[in-house]
């Protein structure tokens, strides 16, 4: 008790030792005795109820004792029953030599993926990932049969990235299903997929997808190296990976884009980016990412360029409203009343006459109240969450005005700010604006408009200093790349988007060789057709 540091080190050492025992792979090779192998499975898994071990006789004449081991719930049990048991029990084995049985079964068994396994660490990894393991008495190896299955959520419309025009399907929690949905959109053999396993305990399957020849090989290698450097017990969602591989962890702005739309992933792959899939989550990570990407929606490319450009300008305006609206109100009412029209400043002064708090405290109370209501609406059950948010906002806002705690103008400003944050297309960038909003409110209360300007300049410098896998976060605006500005705040017609982003795809930069659509030229006058 007198040496807390020493005691803490000892406790950490015990914890690390226990963690090492829990995560250490089972070493050694598989025995030839069937009972010994079954005992090893039962001992290692603690004789778990969902680990099924079925003994049977393989073959007709001659027949050998065998056992099939699988984890219930993550395999296709119908395939196990029909494909494995029925077919293996009906096999006619050519000889009584144990060494030839495994090779003969691999040739005759109608399964997608079969693999001979000799080490226990590899066997348990395959067993817990959805493979069935076949043991044969007298054979010093096992056969792994890929029969992955189980219950998955059906393909539905994505809930976070809704669109008026475009596909209505979104990713699910099955990584194989998600990869296949992207492959159906890009039917090209140069779409490469690399598999990794991350997590000392969870052994989570991760896949990297990119288009060979379009993606930058240096960025692909950097993504691969960062994923391989991860040393953690478990990866439960793609947010873990996002936090462990990002360039700058100390920033409120997201430097990795996530989506649950297959068409969005396909479009980013065609630009030279890399997609990171993970088993158990419908969100796919896209790297590298730039700032302007969070203000673009997939339907921008399904609509005309003039409509898409107008919507992008609207989204940027919405972002700035959600960022600086309360701070502008605080600065104008506290330091710069001369900048407000006379009639409006008289109306605001009349409303604030009974308010005992300064504008900053008033805005801070209302912002915190709205954040509490927003969080309550998300966490409550869906049937009552929206009702609580709407009724709570109306009742609290009206009661606060009548009680003289806040003014009506402040309620309007905070309400517009909340609606603007909801209208931002990406939740990741909206939550960043919500955090920076409080900092700008403090600067506005101290220095007025000068404080807001200082905060915006600091934010711009911070954005220009960020990188996403080596790519400048503000590109192609800073540094300015004229050929890539056609798809930023404005969206040129599709036939004018010739080049891919230069800093992302440096090997194959030409996206298309199209021309401007033109009507057919007629060599005859209209009267000659009659």
Protein backbone atom coordinates (compact mmCIF):
# COMPACT_ATOMS: atom_id res chain seq x y z
CA UNK A 1 0.00 0.00 0.00
CA UNK A 2 3.04 2.26 0.47
CA UNK A 3 4.26 1.68 -3.06
CA UNK A 4 1.26 2.21 -5.36
CA UNK A 5 3.35 2.27 -8.53
CA UNK A 6 4.96 -1.09 -7.74
CA UNK A 7 1.61 -2.60 -6.84
CA UNK A 8 0.08 -1.25 -10.05
CA UNK A 9 2.93 -2.76 -12.09
CA UNK A 10 2.44 -6.11 -10.39
CA UNK A 11 -1.31 -6.01 -11.06
CA UNK A 12 -0.70 -5.00 -14.67
CA UNK A 13 1.79 -7.85 -14.99
CA UNK A 14 -0.76 -10.34 -13.68
CA UNK A 15 -3.41 -8.94 -16.00
CA UNK A 16 -1.07 -9.13 -18.98
CA UNK A 17 -0.10 -12.68 -18.05
CA UNK A 18 -3.75 -13.72 -17.81
CA UNK A 19 -4.52 -11.93 -21.07
CA UNK A 20 -1.58 -13.69 -22.69
CA UNK A 21 -2.93 -17.05 -21.54
CA UNK A 22 -6.36 -16.19 -22.91
CA UNK A 23 -5.10 -15.00 -26.26
CA UNK A 24 -2.24 -17.44 -26.76
CA UNK A 25 -2.87 -19.78 -29.67
CA UNK A 26 -3.05 -23.52 -29.01
CA UNK A 27 0.25 -24.96 -30.14
CA UNK A 28 1.10 -28.43 -31.30
CA UNK A 29 0.03 -30.77 -34.05
CA UNK A 30 -3.07 -32.89 -34.38
CA UNK A 31 -2.82 -36.45 -33.08
CA UNK A 32 -3.87 -39.55 -34.99
CA UNK A 33 -6.07 -40.88 -32.17
CA UNK A 34 -9.71 -39.79 -32.54
CA UNK A 35 -10.48 -39.80 -28.82
CA UNK A 36 -7.45 -37.65 -28.07
CA UNK A 37 -8.45 -35.06 -30.66
CA UNK A 38 -12.04 -34.91 -29.39
CA UNK A 39 -10.75 -34.48 -25.85
CA UNK A 40 -8.56 -31.62 -26.99
CA UNK A 41 -11.57 -29.88 -28.57
CA UNK A 42 -13.67 -30.32 -25.43
CA UNK A 43 -10.90 -29.17 -23.11
CA UNK A 44 -10.03 -26.06 -25.12
CA UNK A 45 -13.64 -24.93 -25.63
CA UNK A 46 -14.70 -25.80 -22.08
CA UNK A 47 -17.12 -28.38 -23.49
CA UNK A 48 -19.31 -25.48 -24.66
CA UNK A 49 -22.92 -26.29 -25.45
CA UNK A 50 -22.79 -24.75 -28.94
CA UNK A 51 -19.71 -26.75 -30.00
CA UNK A 52 -21.23 -29.87 -31.57
CA UNK A 53 -19.18 -33.08 -31.89
CA UNK A 54 -20.86 -35.95 -33.74
CA UNK A 55 -19.29 -39.38 -34.02
CA UNK A 56 -20.11 -41.59 -36.99
CA UNK A 57 -18.65 -44.24 -39.27
CA UNK A 58 -17.30 -42.99 -42.54
CA UNK A 59 -17.65 -45.21 -45.60
CA UNK A 60 -19.52 -48.46 -46.24
CA UNK A 61 -17.01 -51.28 -46.65
CA UNK A 62 -14.50 -50.71 -45.16
CA UNK A 63 -15.62 -48.09 -42.63
CA UNK A 64 -13.63 -46.01 -40.15
CA UNK A 65 -14.66 -44.20 -36.97
CA UNK A 66 -14.76 -40.42 -37.51
CA UNK A 67 -16.11 -37.27 -35.87
CA UNK A 68 -17.38 -33.99 -37.24
CA UNK A 69 -17.01 -30.86 -35.11
CA UNK A 70 -18.71 -27.50 -35.77
CA UNK A 71 -20.14 -24.51 -33.90
CA UNK A 72 -23.92 -24.36 -34.00
CA UNK A 73 -25.40 -21.10 -35.26
CA UNK A 74 -22.56 -20.01 -37.52
CA UNK A 75 -22.71 -22.94 -39.97
CA UNK A 76 -25.33 -24.04 -42.45
CA UNK A 77 -26.62 -27.06 -40.53
CA UNK A 78 -28.68 -28.30 -43.48
CA UNK A 79 -25.51 -28.42 -45.58
CA UNK A 80 -23.74 -30.20 -42.75
CA UNK A 81 -26.45 -32.86 -42.59
CA UNK A 82 -26.98 -33.41 -46.31
CA UNK A 83 -23.58 -32.63 -47.76
CA UNK A 84 -21.35 -34.11 -45.13
CA UNK A 85 -23.02 -36.84 -43.09
CA UNK A 86 -25.11 -38.44 -45.80
CA UNK A 87 -22.42 -38.24 -48.47
CA UNK A 88 -19.54 -39.39 -46.26
CA UNK A 89 -21.47 -42.33 -44.84
CA UNK A 90 -22.23 -43.53 -48.37
CA UNK A 91 -18.64 -43.34 -49.61
CA UNK A 92 -16.95 -46.50 -50.84
CA UNK A 93 -13.38 -46.25 -49.64
CA UNK A 94 -10.76 -47.75 -51.96
CA UNK A 95 -8.50 -49.28 -49.30
CA UNK A 96 -7.91 -49.67 -45.62
CA UNK A 97 -4.84 -47.42 -45.60
CA UNK A 98 -5.46 -44.46 -43.32
CA UNK A 99 -3.02 -42.20 -45.15
CA UNK A 100 -5.06 -42.41 -48.38
CA UNK A 101 -8.48 -41.77 -46.80
CA UNK A 102 -8.11 -38.00 -46.30
CA UNK A 103 -6.91 -37.48 -49.87
CA UNK A 104 -9.74 -39.63 -51.25
CA UNK A 105 -12.39 -37.75 -49.24
CA UNK A 106 -11.11 -34.41 -50.55
CA UNK A 107 -11.63 -35.65 -54.11
CA UNK A 108 -15.10 -37.09 -53.57
CA UNK A 109 -16.67 -34.63 -51.16
CA UNK A 110 -18.85 -32.02 -52.88
CA UNK A 111 -17.91 -28.96 -50.87
CA UNK A 112 -16.74 -25.52 -51.85
CA UNK A 113 -13.56 -25.23 -49.81
CA UNK A 114 -11.65 -28.12 -48.26
CA UNK A 115 -8.32 -27.80 -46.53
CA UNK A 116 -6.01 -30.17 -44.72
CA UNK A 117 -5.10 -28.91 -41.25
CA UNK A 118 -2.23 -30.21 -39.13
CA UNK A 119 -1.85 -27.56 -36.39
CA UNK A 120 -4.28 -26.83 -33.58
CA UNK A 121 -4.00 -23.03 -33.78
CA UNK A 122 -5.08 -23.05 -37.43
CA UNK A 123 -7.82 -25.58 -36.69
CA UNK A 124 -9.46 -23.51 -33.95
CA UNK A 125 -9.32 -20.38 -36.11
CA UNK A 126 -11.21 -22.21 -38.88
CA UNK A 127 -13.63 -23.83 -36.42
CA UNK A 128 -14.65 -20.53 -34.82
CA UNK A 129 -15.03 -18.81 -38.20
CA UNK A 130 -17.72 -21.21 -39.44
CA UNK A 131 -15.96 -24.28 -40.81
CA UNK A 132 -16.73 -27.89 -39.98
CA UNK A 133 -13.75 -30.01 -38.89
CA UNK A 134 -13.57 -33.69 -39.83
CA UNK A 135 -11.43 -36.06 -37.74
CA UNK A 136 -10.72 -39.63 -38.87
CA UNK A 137 -9.32 -42.21 -36.51
CA UNK A 138 -5.75 -43.06 -37.45
CA UNK A 139 -5.20 -39.94 -39.59
CA UNK A 140 -2.81 -37.35 -38.04
CA UNK A 141 -4.58 -34.42 -39.66
CA UNK A 142 -8.05 -32.92 -39.96
CA UNK A 143 -10.10 -31.73 -42.93
CA UNK A 144 -11.66 -28.26 -42.76
CA UNK A 145 -14.87 -27.85 -44.78
CA UNK A 146 -16.24 -24.36 -45.36
CA UNK A 147 -19.97 -24.45 -44.51
CA UNK A 148 -20.46 -20.92 -43.21
CA UNK A 149 -24.07 -19.98 -42.62
CA UNK A 150 -26.35 -18.86 -39.83
CA UNK A 151 -28.89 -16.07 -39.61
CA UNK A 152 -28.13 -12.65 -41.09
CA UNK A 153 -30.20 -9.52 -41.52
CA UNK A 154 -31.79 -9.27 -44.95
CA UNK A 155 -30.67 -6.59 -47.38
CA UNK A 156 -32.62 -3.41 -46.63
CA UNK A 157 -32.53 0.26 -47.51
CA UNK A 158 -29.77 2.03 -45.58
CA UNK A 159 -31.11 4.04 -42.66
CA UNK A 160 -28.36 6.69 -42.45
CA UNK A 161 -27.88 7.64 -46.12
CA UNK A 162 -31.33 7.92 -47.65
CA UNK A 163 -31.69 9.05 -51.24
CA UNK A 164 -34.57 10.04 -53.49
CA UNK A 165 -33.09 8.52 -56.63
CA UNK A 166 -30.75 5.57 -56.58
CA UNK A 167 -30.46 1.96 -55.36
CA UNK A 168 -32.44 0.98 -52.29
CA UNK A 169 -30.08 -1.66 -50.92
CA UNK A 170 -27.57 -1.26 -48.13
CA UNK A 171 -24.86 -3.34 -46.54
CA UNK A 172 -25.60 -6.00 -43.93
CA UNK A 173 -23.54 -7.57 -41.16
CA UNK A 174 -22.26 -10.30 -43.51
CA UNK A 175 -18.92 -9.35 -45.05
CA UNK A 176 -19.27 -11.89 -47.88
CA UNK A 177 -22.65 -10.41 -48.82
CA UNK A 178 -21.26 -6.87 -48.75
CA UNK A 179 -18.32 -7.76 -50.99
CA UNK A 180 -20.61 -9.50 -53.45
CA UNK A 181 -22.87 -6.41 -53.63
CA UNK A 182 -19.89 -4.31 -54.71
CA UNK A 183 -18.68 -6.95 -57.17
CA UNK A 184 -22.06 -6.95 -58.88
CA UNK A 185 -21.50 -3.26 -59.62
CA UNK A 186 -17.87 -3.55 -60.75
CA UNK A 187 -17.59 -6.77 -62.75
CA UNK A 188 -13.88 -6.56 -63.33
CA UNK A 189 -11.14 -9.08 -62.45
CA UNK A 190 -8.86 -6.23 -61.34
CA UNK A 191 -11.03 -5.68 -58.25
CA UNK A 192 -8.74 -7.27 -55.71
CA UNK A 193 -9.71 -8.33 -52.20
CA UNK A 194 -7.15 -9.07 -49.48
CA UNK A 195 -8.12 -10.84 -46.26
CA UNK A 196 -6.72 -10.14 -42.79
CA UNK A 197 -7.52 -11.31 -39.27
CA UNK A 198 -7.35 -8.68 -36.49
CA UNK A 199 -7.96 -9.18 -32.79
CA UNK A 200 -5.99 -11.46 -30.51
CA UNK A 201 -9.20 -12.80 -28.94
CA UNK A 202 -12.03 -12.04 -31.38
CA UNK A 203 -10.11 -13.05 -34.57
CA UNK A 204 -12.23 -10.67 -36.65
CA UNK A 205 -12.13 -11.05 -40.42
CA UNK A 206 -11.15 -7.88 -42.29
CA UNK A 207 -10.96 -7.40 -46.07
CA UNK A 208 -9.33 -4.69 -48.17
CA UNK A 209 -10.85 -4.00 -51.59
CA UNK A 210 -9.30 -1.88 -54.33
CA UNK A 211 -8.99 -1.78 -58.11
CA UNK A 212 -5.52 -2.79 -59.22
CA UNK A 213 -4.19 -0.31 -61.74
CA UNK A 214 -6.36 2.56 -60.49
CA UNK A 215 -5.56 2.65 -56.77
CA UNK A 216 -2.20 4.04 -55.71
CA UNK A 217 0.02 1.11 -54.71
CA UNK A 218 1.77 3.20 -52.03
CA UNK A 219 -1.55 4.02 -50.35
CA UNK A 220 -2.62 0.37 -50.56
CA UNK A 221 0.63 -0.69 -48.91
CA UNK A 222 0.17 1.95 -46.20
CA UNK A 223 -3.37 0.71 -45.47
CA UNK A 224 -2.09 -2.85 -45.31
CA UNK A 225 0.75 -1.95 -42.94
CA UNK A 226 -1.47 0.08 -40.60
CA UNK A 227 -3.96 -2.77 -40.31
CA UNK A 228 -1.20 -5.29 -39.62
CA UNK A 229 0.23 -3.08 -36.87
CA UNK A 230 -3.00 -3.25 -34.86
CA UNK A 231 -2.50 -5.21 -31.64
CA UNK A 232 -5.74 -5.40 -29.67
CA UNK A 233 -7.86 -8.05 -28.02
CA UNK A 234 -10.98 -7.43 -30.04
CA UNK A 235 -12.46 -5.50 -32.95
CA UNK A 236 -16.23 -5.23 -32.53
CA UNK A 237 -17.09 -2.53 -35.10
CA UNK A 238 -15.41 -0.62 -37.89
CA UNK A 239 -15.16 2.39 -35.55
CA UNK A 240 -12.36 0.53 -33.73
CA UNK A 241 -10.35 0.32 -36.95
CA UNK A 242 -11.11 3.95 -37.81
CA UNK A 243 -9.59 5.12 -34.53
CA UNK A 244 -6.54 2.85 -34.79
CA UNK A 245 -5.42 3.71 -38.33
CA UNK A 246 -6.25 7.42 -38.74
CA UNK A 247 -3.43 9.91 -39.35
CA UNK A 248 -4.37 12.49 -36.70
CA UNK A 249 -6.22 11.17 -33.63
CA UNK A 250 -6.39 14.58 -31.92
CA UNK A 251 -8.97 16.24 -34.13
CA UNK A 252 -12.73 16.52 -34.12
CA UNK A 253 -12.94 16.19 -37.89
CA UNK A 254 -13.29 12.69 -39.37
CA UNK A 255 -10.38 11.71 -41.62
CA UNK A 256 -11.92 8.37 -42.67
CA UNK A 257 -15.26 8.15 -44.47
CA UNK A 258 -17.77 5.42 -43.65
CA UNK A 259 -20.82 4.39 -45.63
CA UNK A 260 -23.41 1.63 -45.81
CA UNK A 261 -24.23 2.09 -49.51
CA UNK A 262 -22.69 -0.28 -52.10
CA UNK A 263 -22.98 2.31 -54.89
CA UNK A 264 -21.00 4.80 -52.82
CA UNK A 265 -18.23 2.24 -52.26
CA UNK A 266 -18.16 1.38 -55.97
CA UNK A 267 -17.90 5.06 -56.93
CA UNK A 268 -15.01 5.61 -54.51
CA UNK A 269 -13.19 2.52 -55.77
CA UNK A 270 -13.44 3.89 -59.31
CA UNK A 271 -11.76 7.08 -58.09
CA UNK A 272 -8.82 5.10 -56.71
CA UNK A 273 -9.76 4.80 -53.05
CA UNK A 274 -9.56 1.70 -50.86
CA UNK A 275 -12.51 0.10 -49.03
CA UNK A 276 -12.12 -1.73 -45.72
CA UNK A 277 -14.80 -4.34 -44.97
CA UNK A 278 -15.34 -5.97 -41.60
CA UNK A 279 -17.40 -8.94 -40.49
CA UNK A 280 -20.31 -8.00 -38.25
CA UNK A 281 -20.99 -4.39 -39.28
CA UNK A 282 -22.84 -2.77 -42.20
CA UNK A 283 -20.44 0.20 -42.30
CA UNK A 284 -17.53 0.13 -44.74
CA UNK A 285 -14.55 2.46 -44.35
CA UNK A 286 -13.23 4.46 -47.31
CA UNK A 287 -9.66 5.82 -47.41
CA UNK A 288 -8.16 8.27 -48.19
CA UNK A 289 -10.80 10.90 -47.39
CA UNK A 290 -10.98 14.63 -48.12
CA UNK A 291 -13.07 17.29 -46.39
CA UNK A 292 -15.36 18.11 -49.31
CA UNK A 293 -16.36 14.44 -49.52
CA UNK A 294 -18.62 14.82 -46.48
CA UNK A 295 -20.80 17.35 -48.31
CA UNK A 296 -21.37 15.11 -51.32
CA UNK A 297 -24.24 12.65 -51.62
CA UNK A 298 -24.55 9.72 -53.99
CA UNK A 299 -27.63 11.24 -55.61
CA UNK A 300 -25.52 14.21 -56.74
CA UNK A 301 -24.30 12.01 -59.58
CA UNK A 302 -27.77 10.71 -60.42
CA UNK A 303 -29.21 14.21 -60.95
CA UNK A 304 -28.34 17.01 -63.36
CA UNK A 305 -25.18 18.97 -62.63
CA UNK A 306 -26.96 22.27 -61.97
CA UNK A 307 -29.26 20.71 -59.37
CA UNK A 308 -26.34 18.87 -57.73
CA UNK A 309 -24.28 22.08 -57.58
CA UNK A 310 -27.13 24.02 -55.95
CA UNK A 311 -27.62 21.27 -53.36
CA UNK A 312 -23.91 21.25 -52.53
CA UNK A 313 -23.88 24.99 -51.95
CA UNK A 314 -26.93 24.54 -49.73
CA UNK A 315 -25.16 21.85 -47.69
CA UNK A 316 -22.11 24.05 -47.16
CA UNK A 317 -24.40 26.93 -46.09
CA UNK A 318 -26.19 24.58 -43.70
CA UNK A 319 -22.86 23.51 -42.21
CA UNK A 320 -21.84 27.12 -41.54
CA UNK A 321 -25.26 27.92 -40.04
CA UNK A 322 -24.95 25.01 -37.63
CA UNK A 323 -21.40 26.12 -36.84
CA UNK A 324 -21.70 29.87 -36.18
CA UNK A 325 -25.38 30.82 -35.74
CA UNK A 326 -25.42 30.96 -31.89
CA UNK A 327 -22.00 32.65 -31.74
CA UNK A 328 -23.09 35.32 -34.24
CA UNK A 329 -26.16 36.05 -32.11
CA UNK A 330 -24.02 36.29 -28.97
CA UNK A 331 -21.49 38.61 -30.62
CA UNK A 332 -24.15 40.85 -32.22
CA UNK A 333 -26.23 41.29 -29.06
CA UNK A 334 -23.24 41.70 -26.72
CA UNK A 335 -20.66 43.75 -28.64
CA UNK A 336 -21.98 44.83 -32.02
CA UNK A 337 -25.53 46.11 -31.54
CA UNK A 338 -24.89 48.81 -34.18
CA UNK A 339 -24.73 46.10 -36.87
CA UNK A 340 -28.33 45.00 -36.17
CA UNK A 341 -31.18 46.91 -37.89
CA UNK A 342 -32.87 49.40 -35.56
CA UNK A 343 -36.31 47.79 -35.50
CA UNK A 344 -34.79 44.36 -34.91
CA UNK A 345 -32.50 45.51 -32.10
CA UNK A 346 -35.46 47.20 -30.38
CA UNK A 347 -37.48 43.95 -30.63
CA UNK A 348 -34.58 41.88 -29.27
CA UNK A 349 -33.99 44.36 -26.43
CA UNK A 350 -37.67 44.20 -25.48
CA UNK A 351 -37.54 40.40 -25.38
CA UNK A 352 -34.34 40.36 -23.33
CA UNK A 353 -35.60 42.92 -20.82
CA UNK A 354 -36.86 40.23 -18.45
CA UNK A 355 -34.03 37.74 -19.07
CA UNK A 356 -31.63 37.76 -16.09
CA UNK A 357 -28.73 36.05 -17.91
CA UNK A 358 -26.26 37.37 -20.48
CA UNK A 359 -26.59 36.14 -24.05
CA UNK A 360 -23.78 33.60 -23.67
CA UNK A 361 -25.34 31.87 -20.63
CA UNK A 362 -28.72 31.99 -22.35
CA UNK A 363 -27.35 30.34 -25.51
CA UNK A 364 -25.33 27.80 -23.52
CA UNK A 365 -28.38 26.67 -21.54
CA UNK A 366 -30.50 26.28 -24.67
CA UNK A 367 -27.77 24.44 -26.59
CA UNK A 368 -27.18 21.99 -23.76
CA UNK A 369 -30.95 21.46 -23.43
CA UNK A 370 -31.28 20.68 -27.13
CA UNK A 371 -28.30 18.31 -26.99
CA UNK A 372 -29.93 16.47 -24.08
CA UNK A 373 -33.21 16.19 -26.00
CA UNK A 374 -31.39 15.01 -29.11
CA UNK A 375 -29.53 12.31 -27.18
CA UNK A 376 -32.71 11.24 -25.41
CA UNK A 377 -34.50 10.91 -28.75
CA UNK A 378 -31.75 8.62 -30.03
CA UNK A 379 -31.54 6.40 -26.94
CA UNK A 380 -35.24 6.02 -26.20
CA UNK A 381 -37.33 3.38 -28.00
CA UNK A 382 -38.26 4.45 -31.50
CA UNK A 383 -41.98 4.58 -30.74
CA UNK A 384 -41.54 7.19 -28.00
CA UNK A 385 -38.20 8.79 -28.89
CA UNK A 386 -39.51 11.17 -31.54
CA UNK A 387 -42.52 12.11 -29.45
CA UNK A 388 -40.33 12.93 -26.45
CA UNK A 389 -37.98 15.04 -28.60
CA UNK A 390 -40.71 17.06 -30.28
CA UNK A 391 -42.96 17.50 -27.24
CA UNK A 392 -39.98 18.13 -24.96
CA UNK A 393 -38.57 20.83 -27.26
CA UNK A 394 -41.94 22.58 -27.64
CA UNK A 395 -42.86 22.42 -23.98
CA UNK A 396 -39.44 23.37 -22.63
CA UNK A 397 -38.95 26.14 -25.17
CA UNK A 398 -42.34 27.70 -24.56
CA UNK A 399 -42.06 27.35 -20.78
CA UNK A 400 -38.54 28.84 -20.76
CA UNK A 401 -39.74 31.89 -22.71
CA UNK A 402 -42.77 32.41 -20.48
CA UNK A 403 -40.66 31.99 -17.33
CA UNK A 404 -38.23 34.65 -18.55
CA UNK A 405 -35.18 32.37 -18.65
CA UNK A 406 -34.54 32.88 -22.39
CA UNK A 407 -35.81 35.15 -25.12
CA UNK A 408 -37.88 34.12 -28.11
CA UNK A 409 -35.09 35.15 -30.48
CA UNK A 410 -32.68 32.77 -28.78
CA UNK A 411 -35.14 29.88 -29.12
CA UNK A 412 -35.42 30.63 -32.85
CA UNK A 413 -31.63 30.76 -33.30
CA UNK A 414 -31.02 27.52 -31.42
CA UNK A 415 -33.87 25.77 -33.27
CA UNK A 416 -32.50 26.80 -36.67
CA UNK A 417 -29.05 25.61 -35.57
CA UNK A 418 -30.43 22.21 -34.53
CA UNK A 419 -32.34 21.77 -37.80
CA UNK A 420 -29.23 22.73 -39.78
CA UNK A 421 -27.14 20.13 -37.95
CA UNK A 422 -29.76 17.49 -38.81
CA UNK A 423 -29.70 18.53 -42.46
CA UNK A 424 -25.93 17.99 -42.79
CA UNK A 425 -25.52 14.92 -45.06
CA UNK A 426 -22.86 13.22 -42.91
CA UNK A 427 -23.35 12.60 -39.19
CA UNK A 428 -19.57 12.48 -38.67
CA UNK A 429 -19.07 16.08 -39.87
CA UNK A 430 -22.27 17.24 -38.10
CA UNK A 431 -21.02 16.07 -34.71
CA UNK A 432 -17.74 17.93 -35.35
CA UNK A 433 -19.68 21.15 -35.99
CA UNK A 434 -21.64 20.61 -32.77
CA UNK A 435 -18.43 20.45 -30.74
CA UNK A 436 -16.71 23.42 -32.40
CA UNK A 437 -19.91 25.46 -32.01
CA UNK A 438 -19.35 25.66 -28.23
CA UNK A 439 -15.78 26.89 -28.72
CA UNK A 440 -16.96 29.62 -31.10
CA UNK A 441 -19.63 30.63 -28.58
CA UNK A 442 -16.94 31.15 -25.93
CA UNK A 443 -14.79 33.20 -28.32
CA UNK A 444 -17.83 35.28 -29.34
CA UNK A 445 -18.63 36.00 -25.68
CA UNK A 446 -15.04 37.16 -25.08
CA UNK A 447 -14.11 39.00 -28.28
CA UNK A 448 -17.26 39.32 -30.38
CA UNK A 449 -16.94 38.97 -34.15
CA UNK A 450 -13.15 39.11 -33.79
CA UNK A 451 -13.30 35.96 -31.70
CA UNK A 452 -15.46 34.20 -34.29
CA UNK A 453 -12.98 35.22 -37.00
CA UNK A 454 -10.06 33.92 -34.92
CA UNK A 455 -11.87 30.62 -34.40
CA UNK A 456 -12.66 30.20 -38.10
CA UNK A 457 -9.06 31.02 -39.08
CA UNK A 458 -7.78 28.49 -36.56
CA UNK A 459 -10.22 25.87 -37.88
CA UNK A 460 -9.11 26.52 -41.48
CA UNK A 461 -5.43 26.21 -40.56
CA UNK A 462 -6.17 23.01 -38.66
CA UNK A 463 -8.05 21.56 -41.63
CA UNK A 464 -5.17 22.42 -43.96
CA UNK A 465 -2.74 20.61 -41.66
CA UNK A 466 -4.66 17.33 -41.64
CA UNK A 467 -3.80 14.31 -43.78
CA UNK A 468 -5.67 11.16 -44.65
CA UNK A 469 -3.16 8.43 -45.48
CA UNK A 470 -0.77 11.09 -46.71
CA UNK A 471 -3.33 12.92 -48.86
CA UNK A 472 -4.01 16.57 -47.89
CA UNK A 473 -7.41 16.78 -46.22
CA UNK A 474 -8.45 19.97 -48.03
CA UNK A 475 -7.41 18.85 -51.51
CA UNK A 476 -8.15 19.69 -54.28
CA UNK A 477 -8.82 23.17 -52.82
CA UNK A 478 -5.62 23.35 -50.76
CA UNK A 479 -3.37 22.59 -52.52
CA UNK A 480 -5.33 23.85 -55.49
CA UNK A 481 -5.62 21.33 -58.33
CA UNK A 482 -7.63 23.02 -61.12
CA UNK A 483 -8.40 19.80 -62.99
CA UNK A 484 -10.03 18.27 -59.89
CA UNK A 485 -12.06 21.31 -58.79
CA UNK A 486 -14.81 20.21 -61.16
CA UNK A 487 -16.18 17.87 -58.49
CA UNK A 488 -15.95 19.86 -55.26
CA UNK A 489 -18.30 22.70 -54.28
CA UNK A 490 -19.59 22.59 -57.85
CA UNK A 491 -20.28 19.52 -59.92
CA UNK A 492 -19.54 19.75 -63.59
CA UNK A 493 -21.50 17.60 -66.07
CA UNK A 494 -20.51 13.96 -66.10
CA UNK A 495 -18.99 14.22 -69.56
CA UNK A 496 -16.64 16.93 -68.22
CA UNK A 497 -15.33 14.83 -65.28
CA UNK A 498 -12.41 13.43 -67.23
CA UNK A 499 -9.68 13.00 -64.61
CA UNK A 500 -9.62 11.10 -61.35
CA UNK A 501 -8.36 12.86 -58.21
CA UNK A 502 -4.66 13.41 -58.87
CA UNK A 503 -3.42 12.91 -55.30
CA UNK A 504 -5.41 9.69 -54.86
CA UNK A 505 -4.96 7.86 -58.18
CA UNK A 506 -1.57 8.58 -59.71
CA UNK A 507 -1.26 5.62 -62.09
CA UNK A 508 -4.45 5.72 -64.17
CA UNK A 509 -5.83 9.25 -64.00
CA UNK A 510 -8.10 9.25 -67.08
CA UNK A 511 -11.63 8.31 -66.09
CA UNK A 512 -13.34 8.75 -69.44
CA UNK A 513 -12.82 10.04 -72.93
CA UNK A 514 -16.32 11.28 -73.53
CA UNK A 515 -17.53 14.29 -75.42
CA UNK A 516 -20.28 16.78 -74.83
CA UNK A 517 -23.65 15.37 -75.91
CA UNK A 518 -24.88 17.02 -79.10
CA UNK A 519 -28.03 16.58 -81.16
CA UNK A 520 -27.62 14.87 -84.52
CA UNK A 521 -26.81 17.19 -87.42
CA UNK A 522 -29.30 17.09 -90.28
CA UNK A 523 -28.03 17.76 -93.79
CA UNK A 524 -31.47 18.50 -95.13
CA UNK A 525 -33.88 21.22 -94.28
CA UNK A 526 -37.02 20.42 -92.39
CA UNK A 527 -39.10 21.06 -95.48
CA UNK A 528 -37.25 18.40 -97.47
CA UNK A 529 -38.63 15.64 -95.23
CA UNK A 530 -42.22 16.36 -96.23
